[in-house]
C-alpha atoms as a PDB file:
ATOM      1  CA  MET A   1       0.000   0.000   0.000  1.00  0.00           C
ATOM      2  CA  PRO A   2       1.257   3.489  -0.793  1.00  0.00           C
ATOM      3  CA  ILE A   3       2.274   5.734   2.087  1.00  0.00           C
ATOM      4  CA  LEU A   4       2.517   9.528   2.118  1.00  0.00           C
ATOM      5  CA  VAL A   5       6.027  10.893   2.668  1.00  0.00           C
ATOM      6  CA  GLU A   6       7.485  14.400   2.870  1.00  0.00           C
ATOM      7  CA  LYS A   7      10.018  13.767   0.108  1.00  0.00           C
ATOM      8  CA  PRO A   8      10.008  11.055  -2.580  1.00  0.00           C
ATOM      9  CA  PRO A   9      12.727   8.419  -2.393  1.00  0.00           C
ATOM     10  CA  GLU A  10      15.708   8.945  -4.670  1.00  0.00           C
ATOM     11  CA  GLY A  11      17.716   6.465  -6.670  1.00  0.00           C
ATOM     12  CA  GLU A  12      17.550   4.138  -9.641  1.00  0.00           C
ATOM     13  CA  GLU A  13      15.739   1.416  -7.699  1.00  0.00           C
ATOM     14  CA  TRP A  14      12.489   3.422  -7.774  1.00  0.00           C
ATOM     15  CA  ILE A  15       9.946   3.723 -10.578  1.00  0.00           C
ATOM     16  CA  ARG A  16       8.238   7.125 -10.624  1.00  0.00           C
ATOM     17  CA  GLU A  17       4.679   7.129 -11.985  1.00  0.00           C
ATOM     18  CA  VAL A  18       1.731   9.441 -12.417  1.00  0.00           C
ATOM     19  CA  LYS A  19      -1.163   8.479 -10.147  1.00  0.00           C
ATOM     20  CA  CYS A  20      -4.213   7.658 -12.277  1.00  0.00           C
ATOM     21  CA  ASP A  21      -7.696   8.322 -10.922  1.00  0.00           C
ATOM     22  CA  GLY A  22      -9.815   5.419 -12.077  1.00  0.00           C
ATOM     23  CA  TYR A  23     -10.866   1.870 -11.259  1.00  0.00           C
ATOM     24  CA  ARG A  24      -8.106  -0.623 -10.537  1.00  0.00           C
ATOM     25  CA  SER A  25      -8.761  -3.619 -12.773  1.00  0.00           C
ATOM     26  CA  GLN A  26      -7.281  -6.822 -14.060  1.00  0.00           C
ATOM     27  CA  PHE A  27      -7.632  -7.994 -17.647  1.00  0.00           C
ATOM     28  CA  LYS A  28      -7.436 -11.748 -18.226  1.00  0.00           C
ATOM     29  CA  ASP A  29      -7.270 -13.182 -21.715  1.00  0.00           C
ATOM     30  CA  GLU A  30      -7.738 -16.939 -21.574  1.00  0.00           C
ATOM     31  CA  GLY A  31      -9.340 -17.513 -24.950  1.00  0.00           C
ATOM     32  CA  GLY A  32     -11.550 -14.464 -24.416  1.00  0.00           C
ATOM     33  CA  VAL A  33     -10.961 -11.297 -22.417  1.00  0.00           C
ATOM     34  CA  ARG A  34     -12.569 -10.909 -19.015  1.00  0.00           C
ATOM     35  CA  ILE A  35     -12.171  -7.843 -16.825  1.00  0.00           C
ATOM     36  CA  PHE A  36     -12.161  -8.061 -13.038  1.00  0.00           C
ATOM     37  CA  THR A  37     -12.441  -5.514 -10.256  1.00  0.00           C
ATOM     38  CA  ARG A  38      -9.890  -5.225  -7.466  1.00  0.00           C
ATOM     39  CA  ARG A  39     -12.131  -7.517  -5.411  1.00  0.00           C
ATOM     40  CA  GLY A  40     -12.291 -10.158  -8.154  1.00  0.00           C
ATOM     41  CA  LEU A  41     -15.782  -9.443  -9.493  1.00  0.00           C
ATOM     42  CA  ASP A  42     -16.241 -10.046 -13.227  1.00  0.00           C
ATOM     43  CA  CYS A  43     -17.203  -6.698 -14.759  1.00  0.00           C
ATOM     44  CA  THR A  44     -16.554  -7.508 -18.424  1.00  0.00           C
ATOM     45  CA  ALA A  45     -20.100  -6.541 -19.453  1.00  0.00           C
ATOM     46  CA  ARG A  46     -19.579  -3.019 -18.072  1.00  0.00           C
ATOM     47  CA  TYR A  47     -16.426  -2.499 -20.168  1.00  0.00           C
ATOM     48  CA  ARG A  48     -17.338  -4.256 -23.415  1.00  0.00           C
ATOM     49  CA  ASP A  49     -15.363  -1.863 -25.670  1.00  0.00           C
ATOM     50  CA  LEU A  50     -12.194  -2.197 -23.569  1.00  0.00           C
ATOM     51  CA  ALA A  51     -12.565  -5.978 -23.540  1.00  0.00           C
ATOM     52  CA  LYS A  52     -12.751  -5.908 -27.337  1.00  0.00           C
ATOM     53  CA  ALA A  53      -9.644  -3.688 -27.547  1.00  0.00           C
ATOM     54  CA  ALA A  54      -7.726  -5.996 -25.193  1.00  0.00           C
ATOM     55  CA  GLY A  55      -8.737  -8.943 -27.356  1.00  0.00           C
ATOM     56  CA  ASP A  56      -6.712  -7.393 -30.176  1.00  0.00           C
ATOM     57  CA  LEU A  57      -3.429  -7.782 -28.235  1.00  0.00           C
ATOM     58  CA  ASN A  58      -1.150 -10.321 -29.882  1.00  0.00           C
ATOM     59  CA  VAL A  59      -1.140 -12.908 -27.052  1.00  0.00           C
ATOM     60  CA  GLU A  60      -2.267 -16.487 -26.566  1.00  0.00           C
ATOM     61  CA  ASN A  61      -3.219 -15.623 -22.977  1.00  0.00           C
ATOM     62  CA  ALA A  62      -2.255 -12.914 -20.516  1.00  0.00           C
ATOM     63  CA  THR A  63      -3.129 -11.228 -17.230  1.00  0.00           C
ATOM     64  CA  LEU A  64      -2.577  -7.469 -16.993  1.00  0.00           C
ATOM     65  CA  ASN A  65      -3.041  -5.194 -13.988  1.00  0.00           C
ATOM     66  CA  GLY A  66      -3.958  -1.576 -14.552  1.00  0.00           C
ATOM     67  CA  GLU A  67      -6.426   1.229 -14.167  1.00  0.00           C
ATOM     68  CA  ILE A  68      -9.573   2.017 -16.174  1.00  0.00           C
ATOM     69  CA  ILE A  69      -9.626   5.770 -16.682  1.00  0.00           C
ATOM     70  CA  VAL A  70     -11.208   8.717 -18.487  1.00  0.00           C
ATOM     71  CA  LEU A  71      -9.077  11.683 -19.575  1.00  0.00           C
ATOM     72  CA  ASN A  72     -10.232  15.273 -19.166  1.00  0.00           C
ATOM     73  CA  GLU A  73      -9.490  18.174 -21.546  1.00  0.00           C
ATOM     74  CA  ALA A  74      -5.993  18.547 -20.052  1.00  0.00           C
ATOM     75  CA  ARG A  75      -5.317  14.803 -20.751  1.00  0.00           C
ATOM     76  CA  ILE A  76      -5.253  14.064 -17.004  1.00  0.00           C
ATOM     77  CA  SER A  77      -7.183  11.073 -15.655  1.00  0.00           C
ATOM     78  CA  ASP A  78     -10.385  12.338 -14.048  1.00  0.00           C
ATOM     79  CA  PHE A  79     -12.506  10.190 -11.751  1.00  0.00           C
ATOM     80  CA  GLY A  80     -15.544  12.496 -11.995  1.00  0.00           C
ATOM     81  CA  PRO A  81     -16.749  11.564 -15.512  1.00  0.00           C
ATOM     82  CA  LEU A  82     -15.756   7.906 -15.193  1.00  0.00           C
ATOM     83  CA  ARG A  83     -19.155   6.572 -14.101  1.00  0.00           C
ATOM     84  CA  ASN A  84     -20.929   8.367 -16.957  1.00  0.00           C
ATOM     85  CA  ALA A  85     -18.409   6.990 -19.446  1.00  0.00           C
ATOM     86  CA  ILE A  86     -19.060   3.437 -18.248  1.00  0.00           C
ATOM     87  CA  THR A  87     -22.794   3.723 -18.837  1.00  0.00           C
ATOM     88  CA  SER A  88     -23.016   5.936 -21.905  1.00  0.00           C
ATOM     89  CA  ARG A  89     -19.612   6.950 -23.300  1.00  0.00           C
ATOM     90  CA  GLN A  90     -17.562   3.749 -23.638  1.00  0.00           C
ATOM     91  CA  HIS A  91     -15.387   5.426 -26.285  1.00  0.00           C
ATOM     92  CA  ASP A  92     -13.964   7.695 -23.521  1.00  0.00           C
ATOM     93  CA  LEU A  93     -12.561   4.769 -21.516  1.00  0.00           C
ATOM     94  CA  TYR A  94      -8.904   3.719 -21.524  1.00  0.00           C
ATOM     95  CA  PHE A  95      -7.054   0.930 -19.751  1.00  0.00           C
ATOM     96  CA  VAL A  96      -3.609   1.949 -18.522  1.00  0.00           C
ATOM     97  CA  ALA A  97      -1.623  -1.258 -17.938  1.00  0.00           C
ATOM     98  CA  PHE A  98       1.157  -1.120 -15.352  1.00  0.00           C
ATOM     99  CA  ASP A  99       1.948  -4.773 -14.663  1.00  0.00           C
ATOM    100  CA  LEU A 100       1.989  -8.130 -16.451  1.00  0.00           C
ATOM    101  CA  LEU A 101       1.346 -11.186 -14.265  1.00  0.00           C
ATOM    102  CA  HIS A 102       0.992 -13.981 -16.841  1.00  0.00           C
ATOM    103  CA  LEU A 103       1.863 -14.237 -20.527  1.00  0.00           C
ATOM    104  CA  ASN A 104       1.375 -17.138 -22.932  1.00  0.00           C
ATOM    105  CA  GLY A 105       1.321 -19.782 -20.209  1.00  0.00           C
ATOM    106  CA  HIS A 106       4.164 -18.285 -18.152  1.00  0.00           C
ATOM    107  CA  ASP A 107       3.640 -17.050 -14.588  1.00  0.00           C
ATOM    108  CA  LEU A 108       5.626 -13.805 -14.336  1.00  0.00           C
ATOM    109  CA  ARG A 109       4.918 -13.022 -10.677  1.00  0.00           C
ATOM    110  CA  ASP A 110       8.411 -14.212  -9.709  1.00  0.00           C
ATOM    111  CA  VAL A 111      10.047 -11.987 -12.322  1.00  0.00           C
ATOM    112  CA  ALA A 112      11.350  -8.537 -11.331  1.00  0.00           C
ATOM    113  CA  LEU A 113       8.799  -5.788 -11.901  1.00  0.00           C
ATOM    114  CA  GLU A 114      11.150  -3.857 -14.170  1.00  0.00           C
ATOM    115  CA  ASP A 115      11.556  -6.899 -16.462  1.00  0.00           C
ATOM    116  CA  CYS A 116       7.788  -7.479 -16.633  1.00  0.00           C
ATOM    117  CA  ARG A 117       7.251  -3.837 -17.524  1.00  0.00           C
ATOM    118  CA  ASP A 118       9.729  -4.130 -20.409  1.00  0.00           C
ATOM    119  CA  ILE A 119       7.761  -7.086 -21.797  1.00  0.00           C
ATOM    120  CA  LEU A 120       4.471  -5.249 -21.246  1.00  0.00           C
ATOM    121  CA  ALA A 121       5.698  -2.127 -23.057  1.00  0.00           C
ATOM    122  CA  ASP A 122       6.537  -4.229 -26.125  1.00  0.00           C
ATOM    123  CA  LEU A 123       3.206  -6.038 -25.965  1.00  0.00           C
ATOM    124  CA  ILE A 124       0.929  -2.985 -26.263  1.00  0.00           C
ATOM    125  CA  PRO A 125       0.666  -1.431 -29.733  1.00  0.00           C
ATOM    126  CA  PRO A 126       0.419   2.368 -30.099  1.00  0.00           C
ATOM    127  CA  HIS A 127      -2.832   4.217 -30.756  1.00  0.00           C
ATOM    128  CA  THR A 128      -5.215   1.843 -29.001  1.00  0.00           C
ATOM    129  CA  ARG A 129      -7.391   2.209 -25.916  1.00  0.00           C
ATOM    130  CA  ILE A 130      -4.946   0.002 -24.037  1.00  0.00           C
ATOM    131  CA  HIS A 131      -1.930   2.040 -22.918  1.00  0.00           C
ATOM    132  CA  PHE A 132       1.344   1.250 -21.200  1.00  0.00           C
ATOM    133  CA  TYR A 133       1.820   3.100 -17.920  1.00  0.00           C
ATOM    134  CA  GLN A 134       4.991   5.061 -18.714  1.00  0.00           C
ATOM    135  CA  PRO A 135       7.301   5.839 -15.805  1.00  0.00           C
ATOM    136  CA  LEU A 136       8.512   9.400 -15.267  1.00  0.00           C
ATOM    137  CA  PRO A 137      12.145  10.042 -16.204  1.00  0.00           C
ATOM    138  CA  GLY A 138      14.181  10.789 -13.085  1.00  0.00           C
ATOM    139  CA  ASP A 139      13.827  12.659  -9.828  1.00  0.00           C
ATOM    140  CA  ALA A 140      13.482  16.164 -11.307  1.00  0.00           C
ATOM    141  CA  ALA A 141      10.507  15.307 -13.571  1.00  0.00           C
ATOM    142  CA  PHE A 142       8.831  13.508 -10.685  1.00  0.00           C
ATOM    143  CA  SER A 143       9.233  16.441  -8.287  1.00  0.00           C
ATOM    144  CA  THR A 144       7.995  18.958 -10.857  1.00  0.00           C
ATOM    145  CA  LEU A 145       4.976  16.932 -11.948  1.00  0.00           C
ATOM    146  CA  SER A 146       3.900  15.815  -8.483  1.00  0.00           C
ATOM    147  CA  SER A 147       3.676  19.456  -7.366  1.00  0.00           C
ATOM    148  CA  SER A 148       1.732  20.622 -10.465  1.00  0.00           C
ATOM    149  CA  PRO A 149      -2.011  21.365 -10.165  1.00  0.00           C
ATOM    150  CA  GLY A 150      -4.184  18.374 -11.046  1.00  0.00           C
ATOM    151  CA  TRP A 151      -1.325  15.878 -10.987  1.00  0.00           C
ATOM    152  CA  ARG A 152      -0.333  13.351  -8.374  1.00  0.00           C
ATOM    153  CA  ALA A 153       2.583  10.970  -8.606  1.00  0.00           C
ATOM    154  CA  TRP A 154       4.050   8.066  -6.672  1.00  0.00           C
ATOM    155  CA  CYS A 155       7.093   5.804  -6.523  1.00  0.00           C
ATOM    156  CA  ARG A 156       7.424   2.044  -6.282  1.00  0.00           C
ATOM    157  CA  SER A 157      10.426  -0.211  -6.136  1.00  0.00           C
ATOM    158  CA  ALA A 158      11.659  -1.444  -9.515  1.00  0.00           C
ATOM    159  CA  MET A 159      13.698  -4.239  -8.009  1.00  0.00           C
ATOM    160  CA  THR A 160      10.924  -5.962  -6.083  1.00  0.00           C
ATOM    161  CA  VAL A 161      10.264  -9.598  -6.904  1.00  0.00           C
ATOM    162  CA  TYR A 162       7.024 -11.085  -5.643  1.00  0.00           C
ATOM    163  CA  THR A 163       6.930 -14.792  -4.949  1.00  0.00           C
ATOM    164  CA  GLY A 164       4.244 -17.403  -4.479  1.00  0.00           C
ATOM    165  CA  ALA A 165       0.627 -16.354  -4.936  1.00  0.00           C
ATOM    166  CA  ALA A 166       1.336 -12.725  -4.140  1.00  0.00           C
ATOM    167  CA  HIS A 167       0.181 -10.098  -6.610  1.00  0.00           C
ATOM    168  CA  ARG A 168       1.973  -6.882  -7.347  1.00  0.00           C
END
């Protein structure tokens, strides 16, 4: 779980990311894409257009963690219009993928987060409604962005390896 700190950690072992305001979700493609909530409820029917877009990824099977978001006019994720987009504006929804747990029969939960993110970045084609969650480049960009109006950012360890049934 994230914790609030006075100053962000420094060093290469940290990934700096923009904080998205949306619904944490997991996409599973096992011969057909299903979308799950953080609590494991199947919500595929609510996100039919995103499920279709995820079905176009070039994988045999995969499990991706990410956030379902809507962007405002400033291209910042905005939680306010998200509920309306789910019910009547599906074309406004995006899935921002930040972790890859399984790919083509391989369990990647024991692989370093940084390595999984490299695979994930190559997996997602440009100009789709599925996006790769790009890290921020370095301490200076993180400090500037995280103090800008409308933006929030966070850090997580790039070197962490999760074992067993744990999820990132």
